[in-house]
């Protein structure tokens, strides 16, 4: 089993910054994609940013130029630096990891964190 623990959410004024962190632990051989999704009230969960193990990244158009995703593969950790925050960034942010387990045969499974609230006031 794998656990994802997020931290760094909170309340910030528009134009401010926050940095989210997510640490994966447990039966991990390797992690392919790690990413951040977000879900605003009454809306579907959407991808904010994702990163492969080799550093390739993908961003939602709405966050490009403001958010930066990074990873520390040795620590199984992913970060999301959020700058120039807007009220429309308000959402619960969820960490996601595509994990290969140790052992034989290795299993590939998708895991989610519990979510961290980000609130941007106008």
N, C-alpha and C. Protein backbone atom coordinates (compact mmCIF):
# COMPACT_ATOMS: atom_id res chain seq x y z
N UNK A 1 0.85 -1.20 0.00
CA UNK A 1 0.00 0.00 0.00
C UNK A 1 0.88 1.24 0.00
N UNK A 2 0.32 2.30 -0.57
CA UNK A 2 1.04 3.56 -0.68
C UNK A 2 0.20 4.67 -0.09
N UNK A 3 0.84 5.59 0.62
CA UNK A 3 0.15 6.74 1.18
C UNK A 3 0.74 8.01 0.57
N UNK A 4 -0.15 8.95 0.28
CA UNK A 4 0.25 10.27 -0.20
C UNK A 4 -0.21 11.28 0.83
N UNK A 5 0.72 12.09 1.31
CA UNK A 5 0.39 13.09 2.32
C UNK A 5 0.73 14.47 1.78
N UNK A 6 -0.30 15.31 1.69
CA UNK A 6 -0.14 16.66 1.15
C UNK A 6 -0.01 17.67 2.29
N UNK A 7 0.62 18.77 1.99
CA UNK A 7 0.70 19.87 2.94
C UNK A 7 0.90 21.17 2.16
N UNK A 8 0.66 22.30 2.85
CA UNK A 8 0.96 23.59 2.25
C UNK A 8 -0.23 24.41 1.82
N UNK A 9 -1.42 23.86 1.91
CA UNK A 9 -2.60 24.65 1.54
C UNK A 9 -2.87 25.73 2.57
N UNK A 10 -3.87 26.58 2.25
CA UNK A 10 -4.23 27.63 3.19
C UNK A 10 -4.98 28.75 2.51
N UNK A 11 -5.08 29.86 3.23
CA UNK A 11 -5.79 31.04 2.75
C UNK A 11 -4.77 32.10 2.36
N UNK A 12 -4.95 32.66 1.17
CA UNK A 12 -4.03 33.68 0.68
C UNK A 12 -4.81 34.72 -0.11
N UNK A 13 -4.31 35.93 -0.13
CA UNK A 13 -4.96 36.97 -0.92
C UNK A 13 -4.59 36.82 -2.40
N UNK A 14 -5.44 37.35 -3.24
CA UNK A 14 -5.16 37.34 -4.68
C UNK A 14 -3.81 37.99 -4.94
N UNK A 15 -3.05 37.36 -5.83
CA UNK A 15 -1.71 37.84 -6.13
C UNK A 15 -0.63 37.19 -5.29
N UNK A 16 -1.04 36.48 -4.26
CA UNK A 16 -0.08 35.83 -3.38
C UNK A 16 0.40 34.49 -3.91
N UNK A 17 1.19 33.82 -3.07
CA UNK A 17 1.80 32.55 -3.45
C UNK A 17 1.60 31.50 -2.36
N UNK A 18 1.57 30.26 -2.79
CA UNK A 18 1.57 29.11 -1.89
C UNK A 18 2.41 28.02 -2.53
N UNK A 19 2.96 27.15 -1.68
CA UNK A 19 3.70 26.00 -2.17
C UNK A 19 3.12 24.74 -1.53
N UNK A 20 2.65 23.85 -2.39
CA UNK A 20 2.12 22.57 -1.94
C UNK A 20 3.21 21.51 -2.03
N UNK A 21 3.17 20.57 -1.08
CA UNK A 21 4.08 19.43 -1.08
C UNK A 21 3.28 18.16 -0.93
N UNK A 22 3.78 17.09 -1.53
CA UNK A 22 3.15 15.78 -1.42
C UNK A 22 4.25 14.73 -1.33
N UNK A 23 4.22 13.95 -0.24
CA UNK A 23 5.20 12.90 -0.03
C UNK A 23 4.52 11.55 -0.15
N UNK A 24 5.08 10.69 -0.98
CA UNK A 24 4.58 9.33 -1.14
C UNK A 24 5.44 8.38 -0.32
N UNK A 25 4.78 7.44 0.36
CA UNK A 25 5.51 6.45 1.17
C UNK A 25 4.80 5.11 1.09
N UNK A 26 5.57 4.05 1.40
CA UNK A 26 4.99 2.72 1.38
C UNK A 26 5.70 1.82 0.40
N UNK A 27 4.95 0.90 -0.20
CA UNK A 27 5.50 -0.11 -1.09
C UNK A 27 5.73 0.49 -2.48
N UNK A 28 6.85 1.20 -2.62
CA UNK A 28 7.14 1.92 -3.86
C UNK A 28 8.44 1.43 -4.47
N UNK A 29 8.35 0.97 -5.71
CA UNK A 29 9.57 0.69 -6.48
C UNK A 29 9.95 1.91 -7.29
N UNK A 30 8.97 2.46 -7.96
CA UNK A 30 9.20 3.69 -8.72
C UNK A 30 7.86 4.39 -8.94
N UNK A 31 7.94 5.66 -9.24
CA UNK A 31 6.74 6.45 -9.54
C UNK A 31 6.89 7.04 -10.92
N UNK A 32 5.93 6.79 -11.78
CA UNK A 32 5.97 7.32 -13.13
C UNK A 32 5.53 8.78 -13.11
N UNK A 33 4.25 9.00 -13.13
CA UNK A 33 3.72 10.36 -13.13
C UNK A 33 3.26 10.75 -11.73
N UNK A 34 3.62 11.95 -11.32
CA UNK A 34 3.06 12.56 -10.11
C UNK A 34 2.43 13.88 -10.54
N UNK A 35 1.29 14.16 -9.95
CA UNK A 35 0.63 15.38 -10.38
C UNK A 35 -0.29 15.95 -9.33
N UNK A 36 -0.81 17.10 -9.67
CA UNK A 36 -1.76 17.80 -8.82
C UNK A 36 -3.05 18.03 -9.61
N UNK A 37 -4.13 17.61 -9.00
CA UNK A 37 -5.46 17.87 -9.54
C UNK A 37 -6.16 18.81 -8.56
N UNK A 38 -7.20 19.47 -9.06
CA UNK A 38 -7.96 20.33 -8.17
C UNK A 38 -9.44 20.23 -8.47
N UNK A 39 -10.22 20.45 -7.43
CA UNK A 39 -11.67 20.38 -7.57
C UNK A 39 -12.30 21.53 -6.82
N UNK A 40 -12.93 22.42 -7.57
CA UNK A 40 -13.64 23.54 -6.99
C UNK A 40 -15.07 23.11 -6.68
N UNK A 41 -15.75 23.81 -5.77
CA UNK A 41 -17.13 23.45 -5.42
C UNK A 41 -18.02 23.42 -6.65
N UNK A 42 -18.75 22.34 -6.81
CA UNK A 42 -19.68 22.22 -7.91
C UNK A 42 -19.05 21.92 -9.26
N UNK A 43 -17.75 21.68 -9.26
CA UNK A 43 -17.06 21.41 -10.53
C UNK A 43 -16.37 20.05 -10.49
N UNK A 44 -16.02 19.57 -11.66
CA UNK A 44 -15.31 18.30 -11.75
C UNK A 44 -13.84 18.49 -11.39
N UNK A 45 -13.23 17.40 -10.94
CA UNK A 45 -11.81 17.42 -10.67
C UNK A 45 -11.06 17.57 -11.99
N UNK A 46 -10.05 18.44 -11.99
CA UNK A 46 -9.29 18.69 -13.20
C UNK A 46 -7.80 18.67 -12.91
N UNK A 47 -7.03 18.36 -13.93
CA UNK A 47 -5.58 18.38 -13.80
C UNK A 47 -5.09 19.81 -13.73
N UNK A 48 -4.24 20.09 -12.74
CA UNK A 48 -3.57 21.39 -12.69
C UNK A 48 -2.17 21.28 -13.30
N UNK A 49 -1.41 20.27 -12.85
CA UNK A 49 -0.06 20.08 -13.36
C UNK A 49 0.40 18.67 -13.08
N UNK A 50 1.27 18.15 -13.93
CA UNK A 50 1.79 16.80 -13.74
C UNK A 50 3.23 16.75 -14.23
N UNK A 51 3.97 15.78 -13.68
CA UNK A 51 5.38 15.63 -14.04
C UNK A 51 5.72 14.16 -14.13
N UNK A 52 6.44 13.78 -15.19
CA UNK A 52 6.95 12.42 -15.29
C UNK A 52 8.26 12.31 -14.53
N UNK A 53 8.73 11.09 -14.35
CA UNK A 53 9.95 10.87 -13.59
C UNK A 53 11.18 11.46 -14.27
N UNK A 54 11.11 11.66 -15.57
CA UNK A 54 12.26 12.25 -16.27
C UNK A 54 12.14 13.76 -16.40
N UNK A 55 11.13 14.35 -15.76
CA UNK A 55 11.05 15.79 -15.71
C UNK A 55 10.13 16.45 -16.71
N UNK A 56 9.50 15.67 -17.58
CA UNK A 56 8.53 16.28 -18.49
C UNK A 56 7.32 16.76 -17.70
N UNK A 57 6.80 17.91 -18.10
CA UNK A 57 5.68 18.49 -17.36
C UNK A 57 4.51 18.82 -18.28
N UNK A 58 3.36 18.92 -17.66
CA UNK A 58 2.13 19.27 -18.36
C UNK A 58 1.31 20.16 -17.44
N UNK A 59 0.78 21.24 -17.99
CA UNK A 59 0.02 22.19 -17.18
C UNK A 59 -1.33 22.47 -17.84
N UNK A 60 -2.31 22.72 -17.00
CA UNK A 60 -3.58 23.24 -17.50
C UNK A 60 -3.33 24.64 -18.04
N UNK A 61 -4.04 25.00 -19.09
CA UNK A 61 -3.86 26.33 -19.68
C UNK A 61 -4.08 27.44 -18.66
N UNK A 62 -5.00 27.20 -17.72
CA UNK A 62 -5.36 28.23 -16.76
C UNK A 62 -4.26 28.53 -15.74
N UNK A 63 -3.27 27.65 -15.63
CA UNK A 63 -2.21 27.87 -14.63
C UNK A 63 -0.84 28.09 -15.27
N UNK A 64 -0.74 27.94 -16.57
CA UNK A 64 0.55 28.12 -17.24
C UNK A 64 1.11 29.51 -16.97
N UNK A 65 2.40 29.52 -16.65
CA UNK A 65 3.07 30.79 -16.36
C UNK A 65 2.94 31.24 -14.92
N UNK A 66 2.07 30.57 -14.15
CA UNK A 66 1.88 30.94 -12.75
C UNK A 66 2.26 29.81 -11.80
N UNK A 67 2.01 28.59 -12.20
CA UNK A 67 2.30 27.42 -11.37
C UNK A 67 3.52 26.70 -11.93
N UNK A 68 4.31 26.13 -11.01
CA UNK A 68 5.46 25.32 -11.41
C UNK A 68 5.47 24.03 -10.59
N UNK A 69 5.50 22.90 -11.30
CA UNK A 69 5.58 21.61 -10.64
C UNK A 69 7.02 21.13 -10.66
N UNK A 70 7.44 20.52 -9.57
CA UNK A 70 8.78 19.95 -9.51
C UNK A 70 8.76 18.69 -8.66
N UNK A 71 9.80 17.88 -8.83
CA UNK A 71 9.85 16.61 -8.11
C UNK A 71 11.23 16.37 -7.53
N UNK A 72 11.24 15.64 -6.43
CA UNK A 72 12.46 15.09 -5.87
C UNK A 72 12.26 13.58 -5.87
N UNK A 73 12.76 12.92 -6.91
CA UNK A 73 12.50 11.49 -7.06
C UNK A 73 13.10 10.67 -5.92
N UNK A 74 14.22 11.10 -5.40
CA UNK A 74 14.86 10.37 -4.30
C UNK A 74 13.99 10.38 -3.04
N UNK A 75 13.17 11.41 -2.90
CA UNK A 75 12.31 11.54 -1.73
C UNK A 75 10.85 11.23 -2.04
N UNK A 76 10.58 10.79 -3.27
CA UNK A 76 9.20 10.51 -3.69
C UNK A 76 8.27 11.67 -3.36
N UNK A 77 8.73 12.85 -3.67
CA UNK A 77 8.01 14.07 -3.32
C UNK A 77 7.77 14.92 -4.56
N UNK A 78 6.60 15.52 -4.60
CA UNK A 78 6.26 16.45 -5.66
C UNK A 78 5.80 17.76 -5.03
N UNK A 79 6.16 18.86 -5.69
CA UNK A 79 5.82 20.19 -5.20
C UNK A 79 5.01 20.93 -6.26
N UNK A 80 4.22 21.87 -5.79
CA UNK A 80 3.53 22.76 -6.71
C UNK A 80 3.69 24.18 -6.18
N UNK A 81 4.51 24.97 -6.86
CA UNK A 81 4.67 26.37 -6.51
C UNK A 81 3.60 27.16 -7.26
N UNK A 82 2.76 27.85 -6.51
CA UNK A 82 1.66 28.59 -7.10
C UNK A 82 1.87 30.07 -6.83
N UNK A 83 2.06 30.82 -7.91
CA UNK A 83 2.27 32.27 -7.82
C UNK A 83 1.11 33.00 -8.49
N UNK A 84 1.01 34.28 -8.21
CA UNK A 84 -0.03 35.12 -8.81
C UNK A 84 -1.41 34.45 -8.70
N UNK A 85 -1.71 34.00 -7.52
CA UNK A 85 -2.96 33.26 -7.32
C UNK A 85 -4.17 34.14 -7.55
N UNK A 86 -5.21 33.51 -8.08
CA UNK A 86 -6.46 34.19 -8.39
C UNK A 86 -7.60 33.53 -7.60
N UNK A 87 -8.68 34.25 -7.36
CA UNK A 87 -9.82 33.62 -6.66
C UNK A 87 -10.31 32.35 -7.35
N UNK A 88 -10.20 32.29 -8.66
CA UNK A 88 -10.65 31.10 -9.37
C UNK A 88 -9.73 29.90 -9.17
N UNK A 89 -8.60 30.08 -8.51
CA UNK A 89 -7.74 28.96 -8.14
C UNK A 89 -8.22 28.27 -6.87
N UNK A 90 -9.20 28.84 -6.23
CA UNK A 90 -9.74 28.25 -5.00
C UNK A 90 -10.30 26.87 -5.28
N UNK A 91 -9.82 25.89 -4.55
CA UNK A 91 -10.22 24.50 -4.76
C UNK A 91 -9.54 23.62 -3.71
N UNK A 92 -9.98 22.37 -3.68
CA UNK A 92 -9.22 21.34 -2.95
C UNK A 92 -8.22 20.76 -3.95
N UNK A 93 -6.97 20.75 -3.56
CA UNK A 93 -5.91 20.25 -4.42
C UNK A 93 -5.51 18.83 -3.96
N UNK A 94 -5.51 17.92 -4.92
CA UNK A 94 -5.23 16.51 -4.63
C UNK A 94 -3.93 16.10 -5.33
N UNK A 95 -3.10 15.40 -4.59
CA UNK A 95 -1.90 14.81 -5.16
C UNK A 95 -2.25 13.45 -5.75
N UNK A 96 -1.64 13.14 -6.87
CA UNK A 96 -1.87 11.86 -7.54
C UNK A 96 -0.54 11.25 -7.93
N UNK A 97 -0.42 9.92 -7.79
CA UNK A 97 0.82 9.25 -8.16
C UNK A 97 0.52 7.93 -8.85
N UNK A 98 1.26 7.68 -9.92
CA UNK A 98 1.18 6.44 -10.70
C UNK A 98 2.37 5.59 -10.26
N UNK A 99 2.10 4.58 -9.43
CA UNK A 99 3.15 3.88 -8.68
C UNK A 99 3.34 2.45 -9.14
N UNK A 100 4.60 2.05 -9.30
CA UNK A 100 4.97 0.64 -9.47
C UNK A 100 5.44 0.12 -8.12
N UNK A 101 4.86 -0.99 -7.69
CA UNK A 101 5.20 -1.53 -6.38
C UNK A 101 6.45 -2.38 -6.43
N UNK A 102 7.07 -2.57 -5.26
CA UNK A 102 8.19 -3.50 -5.15
C UNK A 102 7.63 -4.93 -5.17
N UNK A 103 8.56 -5.88 -5.38
CA UNK A 103 8.14 -7.27 -5.39
C UNK A 103 7.87 -7.78 -6.79
N UNK A 104 7.57 -9.07 -6.90
CA UNK A 104 7.31 -9.70 -8.19
C UNK A 104 6.01 -10.47 -8.12
N UNK A 105 5.11 -10.25 -9.07
CA UNK A 105 5.22 -9.22 -10.11
C UNK A 105 4.92 -7.83 -9.57
N UNK A 106 5.58 -6.85 -10.14
CA UNK A 106 5.31 -5.48 -9.74
C UNK A 106 3.92 -5.09 -10.21
N UNK A 107 3.21 -4.38 -9.38
CA UNK A 107 1.89 -3.90 -9.75
C UNK A 107 1.93 -2.39 -9.95
N UNK A 108 1.13 -1.97 -10.90
CA UNK A 108 1.04 -0.54 -11.18
C UNK A 108 -0.32 -0.06 -10.70
N UNK A 109 -0.33 0.92 -9.79
CA UNK A 109 -1.59 1.42 -9.26
C UNK A 109 -1.56 2.93 -9.14
N UNK A 110 -2.75 3.48 -9.13
CA UNK A 110 -2.94 4.92 -9.05
C UNK A 110 -3.38 5.28 -7.63
N UNK A 111 -2.73 6.25 -7.03
CA UNK A 111 -3.05 6.65 -5.66
C UNK A 111 -3.37 8.14 -5.58
N UNK A 112 -4.21 8.45 -4.58
CA UNK A 112 -4.62 9.84 -4.34
C UNK A 112 -4.34 10.22 -2.90
N UNK A 113 -4.00 11.49 -2.70
CA UNK A 113 -3.92 12.03 -1.36
C UNK A 113 -5.29 12.44 -0.86
N UNK A 114 -5.32 12.92 0.37
CA UNK A 114 -6.60 13.27 0.99
C UNK A 114 -7.09 14.65 0.57
N UNK A 115 -6.21 15.44 -0.03
CA UNK A 115 -6.59 16.78 -0.48
C UNK A 115 -6.20 17.86 0.51
N UNK A 116 -5.86 19.01 -0.02
CA UNK A 116 -5.55 20.17 0.81
C UNK A 116 -6.27 21.39 0.23
N UNK A 117 -6.89 22.16 1.11
CA UNK A 117 -7.71 23.28 0.66
C UNK A 117 -6.84 24.49 0.36
N UNK A 118 -7.07 25.08 -0.79
CA UNK A 118 -6.45 26.35 -1.16
C UNK A 118 -7.58 27.35 -1.38
N UNK A 119 -7.54 28.45 -0.65
CA UNK A 119 -8.56 29.48 -0.77
C UNK A 119 -7.87 30.80 -1.08
N UNK A 120 -8.30 31.43 -2.16
CA UNK A 120 -7.73 32.71 -2.58
C UNK A 120 -8.82 33.77 -2.47
N UNK A 121 -8.57 34.74 -1.63
CA UNK A 121 -9.56 35.81 -1.42
C UNK A 121 -9.28 36.98 -2.35
N UNK A 122 -10.35 37.65 -2.74
CA UNK A 122 -10.20 38.78 -3.68
C UNK A 122 -9.99 40.09 -2.94
